[in-house]
Amino acid sequence: MSGTKAKDQTEQLVFEFEFEAPPEKVWRAVREAEFRQRWLPDGALADPEPVSSVPGREISYRMRDEEPPFLESVVTFRIEPGTQGGTHFVIIHQLTDVGLTRDLGPAANSNGPILMRAA
């Protein structure tokens, strides 16, 4: 997503992985708090309870940044059987905070890009 402006960042980020572990084991890692805590601590979540869940297939959590502007997003984990065994694991991270998606117009002060004059 190079070259995008803040207001254009409403698109989702998608990451795909292949694991040798069976789907049931990967599901436990994203659903059960004691396993999820190792790589996605409750402090990164706005709520440790899922927003939505399809048992064994997909689960979504609401996240909130710890620093301003405290943006909110939803991260969804999709679990599918791998084509050669194991698990196909998809992470979808989408910004849900409308504060970033609206066009605020130009700044009220004279701040702008620094321009250099040619000599």
N, C-alpha and C. Protein backbone atom coordinates (compact mmCIF):
# COMPACT_ATOMS: atom_id res chain seq x y z
N MET A 1 0.82 -1.19 0.00
CA MET A 1 0.00 0.00 0.00
C MET A 1 0.87 1.25 0.00
N SER A 2 1.90 1.25 -0.76
CA SER A 2 2.76 2.41 -0.80
C SER A 2 2.07 3.56 -1.52
N GLY A 3 2.36 4.75 -1.06
CA GLY A 3 1.82 5.93 -1.71
C GLY A 3 0.37 6.23 -1.35
N THR A 4 -0.18 5.64 -0.32
CA THR A 4 -1.56 5.94 0.05
C THR A 4 -1.58 7.02 1.10
N LYS A 5 -2.63 7.82 1.07
CA LYS A 5 -2.83 8.87 2.07
C LYS A 5 -3.67 8.29 3.20
N ALA A 6 -3.69 8.97 4.33
CA ALA A 6 -4.43 8.47 5.49
C ALA A 6 -5.89 8.20 5.17
N LYS A 7 -6.53 9.08 4.42
CA LYS A 7 -7.96 8.88 4.15
C LYS A 7 -8.21 7.70 3.23
N ASP A 8 -7.18 7.22 2.53
CA ASP A 8 -7.33 6.08 1.64
C ASP A 8 -7.02 4.75 2.33
N GLN A 9 -6.68 4.77 3.60
CA GLN A 9 -6.25 3.57 4.29
C GLN A 9 -7.41 2.79 4.90
N THR A 10 -8.59 2.89 4.29
CA THR A 10 -9.72 2.13 4.80
C THR A 10 -9.73 0.73 4.22
N GLU A 11 -8.86 0.45 3.28
CA GLU A 11 -8.77 -0.89 2.72
C GLU A 11 -8.21 -1.83 3.77
N GLN A 12 -8.43 -3.10 3.55
CA GLN A 12 -7.97 -4.08 4.51
C GLN A 12 -6.59 -4.60 4.15
N LEU A 13 -5.88 -5.03 5.17
CA LEU A 13 -4.61 -5.71 5.00
C LEU A 13 -4.89 -7.20 5.12
N VAL A 14 -4.36 -7.98 4.19
CA VAL A 14 -4.59 -9.42 4.20
C VAL A 14 -3.25 -10.14 4.19
N PHE A 15 -3.08 -11.05 5.13
CA PHE A 15 -1.86 -11.85 5.24
C PHE A 15 -2.27 -13.32 5.20
N GLU A 16 -1.57 -14.12 4.41
CA GLU A 16 -1.89 -15.54 4.30
C GLU A 16 -0.68 -16.38 4.69
N PHE A 17 -0.94 -17.46 5.42
CA PHE A 17 0.12 -18.34 5.89
C PHE A 17 -0.30 -19.79 5.71
N GLU A 18 0.67 -20.65 5.57
CA GLU A 18 0.44 -22.09 5.54
C GLU A 18 1.15 -22.69 6.76
N PHE A 19 0.42 -23.44 7.57
CA PHE A 19 0.98 -24.08 8.74
C PHE A 19 0.89 -25.59 8.59
N GLU A 20 1.84 -26.27 9.18
CA GLU A 20 1.79 -27.74 9.18
C GLU A 20 0.79 -28.26 10.20
N ALA A 21 0.47 -27.45 11.19
CA ALA A 21 -0.46 -27.87 12.25
C ALA A 21 -1.87 -28.06 11.69
N PRO A 22 -2.64 -28.97 12.28
CA PRO A 22 -4.01 -29.18 11.81
C PRO A 22 -4.89 -27.96 12.16
N PRO A 23 -5.97 -27.74 11.40
CA PRO A 23 -6.85 -26.60 11.65
C PRO A 23 -7.37 -26.52 13.09
N GLU A 24 -7.63 -27.66 13.72
CA GLU A 24 -8.15 -27.65 15.09
C GLU A 24 -7.15 -27.01 16.07
N LYS A 25 -5.88 -27.26 15.86
CA LYS A 25 -4.85 -26.70 16.74
C LYS A 25 -4.70 -25.20 16.51
N VAL A 26 -4.77 -24.77 15.27
CA VAL A 26 -4.69 -23.33 14.96
C VAL A 26 -5.91 -22.62 15.52
N TRP A 27 -7.08 -23.24 15.43
CA TRP A 27 -8.30 -22.66 15.99
C TRP A 27 -8.15 -22.42 17.49
N ARG A 28 -7.61 -23.39 18.20
CA ARG A 28 -7.39 -23.24 19.64
C ARG A 28 -6.47 -22.06 19.93
N ALA A 29 -5.46 -21.87 19.08
CA ALA A 29 -4.49 -20.78 19.29
C ALA A 29 -5.11 -19.40 19.13
N VAL A 30 -6.15 -19.26 18.32
CA VAL A 30 -6.78 -17.95 18.14
C VAL A 30 -8.02 -17.77 19.01
N ARG A 31 -8.61 -18.85 19.47
CA ARG A 31 -9.84 -18.75 20.25
C ARG A 31 -9.62 -18.76 21.76
N GLU A 32 -8.77 -19.62 22.25
CA GLU A 32 -8.59 -19.76 23.70
C GLU A 32 -7.60 -18.71 24.21
N ALA A 33 -8.04 -17.93 25.18
CA ALA A 33 -7.28 -16.79 25.67
C ALA A 33 -5.87 -17.15 26.13
N GLU A 34 -5.70 -18.28 26.83
CA GLU A 34 -4.37 -18.62 27.35
C GLU A 34 -3.36 -18.87 26.23
N PHE A 35 -3.81 -19.34 25.07
CA PHE A 35 -2.91 -19.52 23.94
C PHE A 35 -2.77 -18.23 23.14
N ARG A 36 -3.89 -17.52 22.93
CA ARG A 36 -3.88 -16.25 22.18
C ARG A 36 -3.01 -15.20 22.85
N GLN A 37 -2.98 -15.20 24.18
CA GLN A 37 -2.21 -14.21 24.94
C GLN A 37 -0.73 -14.18 24.56
N ARG A 38 -0.20 -15.31 24.13
CA ARG A 38 1.23 -15.39 23.80
C ARG A 38 1.60 -14.51 22.62
N TRP A 39 0.69 -14.31 21.69
CA TRP A 39 1.02 -13.53 20.50
C TRP A 39 0.05 -12.39 20.23
N LEU A 40 -1.11 -12.37 20.89
CA LEU A 40 -2.07 -11.27 20.78
C LEU A 40 -2.65 -11.01 22.17
N PRO A 41 -1.93 -10.22 22.98
CA PRO A 41 -2.37 -10.00 24.36
C PRO A 41 -3.67 -9.21 24.44
N ASP A 42 -4.41 -9.44 25.53
CA ASP A 42 -5.67 -8.74 25.73
C ASP A 42 -5.50 -7.23 25.70
N GLY A 43 -4.32 -6.72 26.07
CA GLY A 43 -4.06 -5.28 26.04
C GLY A 43 -4.16 -4.69 24.64
N ALA A 44 -3.94 -5.49 23.62
CA ALA A 44 -4.05 -5.02 22.23
C ALA A 44 -5.49 -5.05 21.74
N LEU A 45 -6.36 -5.70 22.50
CA LEU A 45 -7.75 -5.84 22.10
C LEU A 45 -8.62 -4.82 22.83
N ALA A 46 -9.62 -4.29 22.13
CA ALA A 46 -10.59 -3.41 22.77
C ALA A 46 -11.50 -4.22 23.68
N ASP A 47 -11.69 -5.51 23.32
CA ASP A 47 -12.52 -6.42 24.10
C ASP A 47 -11.98 -7.83 23.85
N PRO A 48 -11.66 -8.58 24.91
CA PRO A 48 -11.12 -9.93 24.69
C PRO A 48 -12.14 -10.93 24.14
N GLU A 49 -13.42 -10.57 24.17
CA GLU A 49 -14.44 -11.45 23.59
C GLU A 49 -14.56 -11.16 22.10
N PRO A 50 -14.75 -12.19 21.29
CA PRO A 50 -14.85 -11.97 19.86
C PRO A 50 -16.09 -11.19 19.44
N VAL A 51 -15.95 -10.43 18.35
CA VAL A 51 -17.07 -9.70 17.77
C VAL A 51 -17.98 -10.69 17.05
N SER A 52 -17.38 -11.62 16.35
CA SER A 52 -18.13 -12.67 15.67
C SER A 52 -17.28 -13.93 15.60
N SER A 53 -17.96 -15.06 15.44
CA SER A 53 -17.23 -16.32 15.40
C SER A 53 -18.05 -17.38 14.66
N VAL A 54 -17.36 -18.11 13.79
CA VAL A 54 -17.91 -19.30 13.16
C VAL A 54 -16.99 -20.41 13.64
N PRO A 55 -17.43 -21.21 14.60
CA PRO A 55 -16.55 -22.19 15.24
C PRO A 55 -15.72 -23.02 14.26
N GLY A 56 -14.42 -23.01 14.52
CA GLY A 56 -13.48 -23.78 13.72
C GLY A 56 -13.11 -23.17 12.39
N ARG A 57 -13.75 -22.04 11.99
CA ARG A 57 -13.52 -21.47 10.67
C ARG A 57 -13.06 -20.01 10.68
N GLU A 58 -13.71 -19.18 11.51
CA GLU A 58 -13.41 -17.75 11.47
C GLU A 58 -13.76 -17.10 12.80
N ILE A 59 -12.91 -16.15 13.21
CA ILE A 59 -13.17 -15.41 14.45
C ILE A 59 -12.64 -13.99 14.27
N SER A 60 -13.39 -13.01 14.80
CA SER A 60 -13.01 -11.60 14.68
C SER A 60 -12.94 -10.95 16.06
N TYR A 61 -11.93 -10.11 16.22
CA TYR A 61 -11.75 -9.36 17.46
C TYR A 61 -11.65 -7.87 17.14
N ARG A 62 -12.15 -7.04 18.07
CA ARG A 62 -12.04 -5.59 17.94
C ARG A 62 -10.75 -5.16 18.63
N MET A 63 -9.97 -4.33 17.93
CA MET A 63 -8.71 -3.84 18.48
C MET A 63 -8.76 -2.32 18.58
N ARG A 64 -7.92 -1.78 19.47
CA ARG A 64 -7.83 -0.32 19.62
C ARG A 64 -6.39 0.03 19.94
N ASP A 65 -5.87 1.02 19.21
CA ASP A 65 -4.50 1.48 19.45
C ASP A 65 -4.36 2.04 20.85
N GLU A 66 -3.18 1.85 21.45
CA GLU A 66 -2.93 2.36 22.79
C GLU A 66 -2.49 3.82 22.79
N GLU A 67 -2.13 4.35 21.63
CA GLU A 67 -1.66 5.72 21.52
C GLU A 67 -2.56 6.53 20.60
N PRO A 68 -2.61 7.86 20.80
CA PRO A 68 -3.44 8.68 19.92
C PRO A 68 -3.06 8.46 18.47
N PRO A 69 -3.99 8.47 17.60
CA PRO A 69 -5.39 8.88 17.74
C PRO A 69 -6.34 7.77 18.18
N PHE A 70 -5.85 6.70 18.78
CA PHE A 70 -6.66 5.61 19.32
C PHE A 70 -7.61 5.02 18.26
N LEU A 71 -7.06 4.65 17.14
CA LEU A 71 -7.87 4.11 16.06
C LEU A 71 -8.39 2.72 16.40
N GLU A 72 -9.60 2.43 15.94
CA GLU A 72 -10.19 1.12 16.16
C GLU A 72 -10.19 0.33 14.85
N SER A 73 -10.03 -0.98 15.00
CA SER A 73 -10.01 -1.86 13.83
C SER A 73 -10.56 -3.22 14.23
N VAL A 74 -10.78 -4.04 13.22
CA VAL A 74 -11.23 -5.42 13.44
C VAL A 74 -10.24 -6.33 12.76
N VAL A 75 -9.77 -7.33 13.51
CA VAL A 75 -8.89 -8.33 12.94
C VAL A 75 -9.66 -9.65 12.89
N THR A 76 -9.64 -10.26 11.70
CA THR A 76 -10.37 -11.51 11.49
C THR A 76 -9.38 -12.60 11.13
N PHE A 77 -9.54 -13.75 11.75
CA PHE A 77 -8.70 -14.91 11.46
C PHE A 77 -9.56 -15.96 10.77
N ARG A 78 -9.14 -16.36 9.58
CA ARG A 78 -9.84 -17.42 8.84
C ARG A 78 -8.96 -18.65 8.80
N ILE A 79 -9.57 -19.77 9.07
CA ILE A 79 -8.84 -21.04 9.12
C ILE A 79 -9.49 -21.99 8.13
N GLU A 80 -8.68 -22.52 7.23
CA GLU A 80 -9.16 -23.47 6.22
C GLU A 80 -8.18 -24.63 6.15
N PRO A 81 -8.65 -25.80 5.79
CA PRO A 81 -7.71 -26.91 5.59
C PRO A 81 -6.75 -26.56 4.45
N GLY A 82 -5.48 -26.87 4.65
CA GLY A 82 -4.48 -26.61 3.62
C GLY A 82 -4.64 -27.54 2.43
N THR A 83 -4.15 -27.13 1.28
CA THR A 83 -4.27 -27.95 0.08
C THR A 83 -3.44 -29.23 0.16
N GLN A 84 -2.34 -29.17 0.92
CA GLN A 84 -1.48 -30.34 1.08
C GLN A 84 -1.42 -30.78 2.53
N GLY A 85 -2.55 -30.67 3.23
CA GLY A 85 -2.58 -30.97 4.66
C GLY A 85 -2.28 -29.70 5.43
N GLY A 86 -2.32 -29.76 6.71
CA GLY A 86 -2.05 -28.59 7.52
C GLY A 86 -3.18 -27.58 7.45
N THR A 87 -2.82 -26.30 7.60
CA THR A 87 -3.81 -25.24 7.69
C THR A 87 -3.43 -24.05 6.82
N HIS A 88 -4.43 -23.54 6.11
CA HIS A 88 -4.29 -22.26 5.40
C HIS A 88 -4.88 -21.21 6.34
N PHE A 89 -4.06 -20.26 6.78
CA PHE A 89 -4.44 -19.28 7.81
C PHE A 89 -4.41 -17.90 7.18
N VAL A 90 -5.53 -17.17 7.29
CA VAL A 90 -5.64 -15.84 6.71
C VAL A 90 -5.96 -14.84 7.82
N ILE A 91 -5.19 -13.75 7.85
CA ILE A 91 -5.44 -12.65 8.79
C ILE A 91 -5.91 -11.46 7.97
N ILE A 92 -7.07 -10.92 8.33
CA ILE A 92 -7.62 -9.75 7.65
C ILE A 92 -7.75 -8.65 8.70
N HIS A 93 -7.07 -7.55 8.48
CA HIS A 93 -7.07 -6.44 9.44
C HIS A 93 -7.67 -5.23 8.74
N GLN A 94 -8.80 -4.75 9.25
CA GLN A 94 -9.49 -3.64 8.61
C GLN A 94 -9.76 -2.52 9.59
N LEU A 95 -9.41 -1.31 9.17
CA LEU A 95 -9.66 -0.12 9.98
C LEU A 95 -11.15 0.16 9.98
N THR A 96 -11.72 0.36 11.15
CA THR A 96 -13.15 0.64 11.26
C THR A 96 -13.42 2.03 11.81
N ASP A 97 -12.40 2.74 12.20
CA ASP A 97 -12.57 4.07 12.79
C ASP A 97 -12.90 5.08 11.70
N VAL A 98 -14.12 5.61 11.73
CA VAL A 98 -14.55 6.55 10.70
C VAL A 98 -13.83 7.88 10.80
N GLY A 99 -13.24 8.20 11.94
CA GLY A 99 -12.52 9.45 12.10
C GLY A 99 -11.38 9.59 11.11
N LEU A 100 -10.78 8.50 10.71
CA LEU A 100 -9.67 8.56 9.77
C LEU A 100 -10.16 8.56 8.32
N THR A 101 -11.34 8.08 8.09
CA THR A 101 -11.80 7.93 6.72
C THR A 101 -12.46 9.17 6.15
N ARG A 102 -12.84 10.12 6.97
CA ARG A 102 -13.49 11.31 6.43
C ARG A 102 -12.45 12.34 6.02
N ASP A 103 -12.77 13.15 5.03
CA ASP A 103 -11.87 14.18 4.53
C ASP A 103 -12.01 15.41 5.41
N LEU A 104 -10.95 15.79 6.08
CA LEU A 104 -10.99 16.92 6.99
C LEU A 104 -10.67 18.24 6.31
N GLY A 105 -10.27 18.21 5.05
CA GLY A 105 -9.94 19.43 4.33
C GLY A 105 -8.55 19.92 4.70
N PRO A 106 -8.17 21.08 4.20
CA PRO A 106 -6.82 21.59 4.48
C PRO A 106 -6.67 22.04 5.93
N ALA A 107 -5.44 22.09 6.39
CA ALA A 107 -5.15 22.54 7.75
C ALA A 107 -5.53 24.01 7.91
N ALA A 108 -5.91 24.41 9.12
CA ALA A 108 -6.32 25.78 9.38
C ALA A 108 -5.13 26.72 9.49
N ASN A 109 -3.93 26.20 9.60
CA ASN A 109 -2.75 27.05 9.67
C ASN A 109 -2.01 27.00 8.34
N SER A 110 -0.85 27.58 8.29
CA SER A 110 -0.12 27.66 7.03
C SER A 110 0.82 26.47 6.81
N ASN A 111 0.69 25.44 7.63
CA ASN A 111 1.55 24.28 7.44
C ASN A 111 1.26 23.61 6.11
N GLY A 112 2.27 23.27 5.43
CA GLY A 112 2.12 22.60 4.15
C GLY A 112 3.44 21.95 3.81
N PRO A 113 3.54 21.38 2.64
CA PRO A 113 4.80 20.75 2.27
C PRO A 113 5.90 21.81 2.11
N ILE A 114 7.09 21.44 2.53
CA ILE A 114 8.23 22.34 2.39
C ILE A 114 8.69 22.31 0.93
N LEU A 115 8.78 23.48 0.34
CA LEU A 115 9.21 23.59 -1.04
C LEU A 115 10.58 24.26 -1.08
N MET A 116 11.41 23.80 -1.95
CA MET A 116 12.75 24.42 -2.10
C MET A 116 12.77 25.15 -3.44
N ARG A 117 13.40 26.30 -3.44
CA ARG A 117 13.53 27.07 -4.66
C ARG A 117 14.77 26.63 -5.42
N ALA A 118 14.63 26.58 -6.72
CA ALA A 118 15.80 26.25 -7.53
C ALA A 118 16.73 27.43 -7.58
N ALA A 119 18.02 27.18 -7.55
CA ALA A 119 18.99 28.28 -7.53
C ALA A 119 19.23 28.82 -8.90
